[in-house]
Amino acid sequence: EQRGRFELSFHWAIRAADLTELLLRYQPHIVHFSGRGSQVDEIILESDGGVRPVSAEALSSLFALLGDNIRCVVLNGCYSGVQAQAI
């Protein structure tokens, strides 16, 4: 009944450089990361020619700056507990 109230936007293989721009553009209420994590408390994003780890501290800072609208962050990746605590 309320499905018209939701807009879904998908972006695959997000680069670390794109994340801030996408959060500013869409101003989402829910953010879902699905991908890989590392055992040293980082999520793994795409990078030009490879991958780039993003630390829990960097994610926490990003959401602190841009997270006024965000109500929920879903981290669907291995070893993402530390990131969840930081956010």
C-alpha atoms as a PDB file:
ATOM      1  CA  GLU A   1       0.000   0.000   0.000  1.00  0.00           C
ATOM      2  CA  GLN A   2       2.864   2.404   0.758  1.00  0.00           C
ATOM      3  CA  ARG A   3       5.304   1.176  -1.877  1.00  0.00           C
ATOM      4  CA  GLY A   4       4.957   4.413  -3.827  1.00  0.00           C
ATOM      5  CA  ARG A   5       6.670   6.240  -0.984  1.00  0.00           C
ATOM      6  CA  PHE A   6       9.989   4.495  -1.691  1.00  0.00           C
ATOM      7  CA  GLU A   7      12.512   5.224  -4.388  1.00  0.00           C
ATOM      8  CA  LEU A   8      15.331   2.749  -4.884  1.00  0.00           C
ATOM      9  CA  SER A   9      18.613   3.742  -6.464  1.00  0.00           C
ATOM     10  CA  PHE A  10      21.236   1.126  -7.259  1.00  0.00           C
ATOM     11  CA  HIS A  11      24.887   1.742  -7.937  1.00  0.00           C
ATOM     12  CA  TRP A  12      27.262  -1.119  -8.590  1.00  0.00           C
ATOM     13  CA  ALA A  13      31.018  -1.192  -8.023  1.00  0.00           C
ATOM     14  CA  ILE A  14      31.086   2.104  -6.149  1.00  0.00           C
ATOM     15  CA  ARG A  15      34.430   3.823  -5.972  1.00  0.00           C
ATOM     16  CA  ALA A  16      35.427   5.532  -2.762  1.00  0.00           C
ATOM     17  CA  ALA A  17      35.550   8.844  -4.632  1.00  0.00           C
ATOM     18  CA  ASP A  18      31.894   8.430  -5.713  1.00  0.00           C
ATOM     19  CA  LEU A  19      30.434   7.671  -2.292  1.00  0.00           C
ATOM     20  CA  THR A  20      30.278  11.250  -1.016  1.00  0.00           C
ATOM     21  CA  GLU A  21      28.799  12.521  -4.271  1.00  0.00           C
ATOM     22  CA  LEU A  22      26.083   9.851  -4.285  1.00  0.00           C
ATOM     23  CA  LEU A  23      25.115  10.542  -0.670  1.00  0.00           C
ATOM     24  CA  LEU A  24      24.846  14.252  -1.424  1.00  0.00           C
ATOM     25  CA  ARG A  25      22.886  13.678  -4.632  1.00  0.00           C
ATOM     26  CA  TYR A  26      20.280  11.276  -3.258  1.00  0.00           C
ATOM     27  CA  GLN A  27      20.190  12.278   0.424  1.00  0.00           C
ATOM     28  CA  PRO A  28      18.980   8.781   1.311  1.00  0.00           C
ATOM     29  CA  HIS A  29      17.215   7.645   4.457  1.00  0.00           C
ATOM     30  CA  ILE A  30      18.577   4.105   4.098  1.00  0.00           C
ATOM     31  CA  VAL A  31      22.041   3.146   2.819  1.00  0.00           C
ATOM     32  CA  HIS A  32      22.868  -0.474   2.031  1.00  0.00           C
ATOM     33  CA  PHE A  33      26.437  -1.620   1.429  1.00  0.00           C
ATOM     34  CA  SER A  34      26.744  -5.085  -0.049  1.00  0.00           C
ATOM     35  CA  GLY A  35      30.207  -6.308  -0.707  1.00  0.00           C
ATOM     36  CA  ARG A  36      33.452  -7.328   0.857  1.00  0.00           C
ATOM     37  CA  GLY A  37      35.004  -6.419   4.138  1.00  0.00           C
ATOM     38  CA  SER A  38      38.466  -7.037   5.469  1.00  0.00           C
ATOM     39  CA  GLN A  39      39.651  -8.531   8.717  1.00  0.00           C
ATOM     40  CA  VAL A  40      41.236  -5.197   9.645  1.00  0.00           C
ATOM     41  CA  ASP A  41      37.891  -3.421  10.030  1.00  0.00           C
ATOM     42  CA  GLU A  42      37.490  -1.912   6.569  1.00  0.00           C
ATOM     43  CA  ILE A  43      34.934  -2.178   3.814  1.00  0.00           C
ATOM     44  CA  ILE A  44      36.302  -2.652   0.332  1.00  0.00           C
ATOM     45  CA  LEU A  45      35.220  -0.299  -2.453  1.00  0.00           C
ATOM     46  CA  GLU A  46      36.260  -0.153  -6.080  1.00  0.00           C
ATOM     47  CA  SER A  47      39.136   2.030  -7.172  1.00  0.00           C
ATOM     48  CA  ASP A  48      40.547   2.893 -10.559  1.00  0.00           C
ATOM     49  CA  GLY A  49      42.361  -0.292 -11.476  1.00  0.00           C
ATOM     50  CA  GLY A  50      41.683  -2.188  -8.255  1.00  0.00           C
ATOM     51  CA  VAL A  51      40.111  -1.905  -4.839  1.00  0.00           C
ATOM     52  CA  ARG A  52      40.406   0.528  -1.946  1.00  0.00           C
ATOM     53  CA  PRO A  53      39.807  -0.239   1.716  1.00  0.00           C
ATOM     54  CA  VAL A  54      37.771   2.322   3.667  1.00  0.00           C
ATOM     55  CA  SER A  55      38.335   2.378   7.414  1.00  0.00           C
ATOM     56  CA  ALA A  56      35.665   2.442  10.092  1.00  0.00           C
ATOM     57  CA  GLU A  57      36.899   5.897  11.100  1.00  0.00           C
ATOM     58  CA  ALA A  58      36.514   7.230   7.553  1.00  0.00           C
ATOM     59  CA  LEU A  59      32.974   5.832   7.295  1.00  0.00           C
ATOM     60  CA  SER A  60      32.075   7.249  10.680  1.00  0.00           C
ATOM     61  CA  SER A  61      33.358  10.694   9.678  1.00  0.00           C
ATOM     62  CA  LEU A  62      31.510  10.578   6.367  1.00  0.00           C
ATOM     63  CA  PHE A  63      28.177   9.711   7.976  1.00  0.00           C
ATOM     64  CA  ALA A  64      28.731  12.300  10.712  1.00  0.00           C
ATOM     65  CA  LEU A  65      29.100  14.976   8.010  1.00  0.00           C
ATOM     66  CA  LEU A  66      26.425  13.796   5.578  1.00  0.00           C
ATOM     67  CA  GLY A  67      24.111  11.689   7.703  1.00  0.00           C
ATOM     68  CA  ASP A  68      21.366  14.154   8.647  1.00  0.00           C
ATOM     69  CA  ASN A  69      18.784  12.313   6.525  1.00  0.00           C
ATOM     70  CA  ILE A  70      20.117   8.795   7.039  1.00  0.00           C
ATOM     71  CA  ARG A  71      18.043   6.695   9.413  1.00  0.00           C
ATOM     72  CA  CYS A  72      19.519   3.252   8.728  1.00  0.00           C
ATOM     73  CA  VAL A  73      22.782   1.869   7.353  1.00  0.00           C
ATOM     74  CA  VAL A  74      22.937  -1.806   6.386  1.00  0.00           C
ATOM     75  CA  LEU A  75      26.430  -3.263   6.112  1.00  0.00           C
ATOM     76  CA  ASN A  76      26.128  -6.544   4.271  1.00  0.00           C
ATOM     77  CA  GLY A  77      29.732  -7.690   4.215  1.00  0.00           C
ATOM     78  CA  CYS A  78      32.175  -9.823   6.138  1.00  0.00           C
ATOM     79  CA  TYR A  79      33.867  -8.289   9.178  1.00  0.00           C
ATOM     80  CA  SER A  80      31.602  -5.223   9.219  1.00  0.00           C
ATOM     81  CA  GLY A  81      30.828  -5.180  12.956  1.00  0.00           C
ATOM     82  CA  VAL A  82      33.446  -2.540  13.752  1.00  0.00           C
ATOM     83  CA  GLN A  83      32.124  -0.272  10.986  1.00  0.00           C
ATOM     84  CA  ALA A  84      28.587  -0.689  12.330  1.00  0.00           C
ATOM     85  CA  GLN A  85      29.719   0.309  15.820  1.00  0.00           C
ATOM     86  CA  ALA A  86      31.598   3.333  14.440  1.00  0.00           C
ATOM     87  CA  ILE A  87      28.620   4.553  12.424  1.00  0.00           C
END
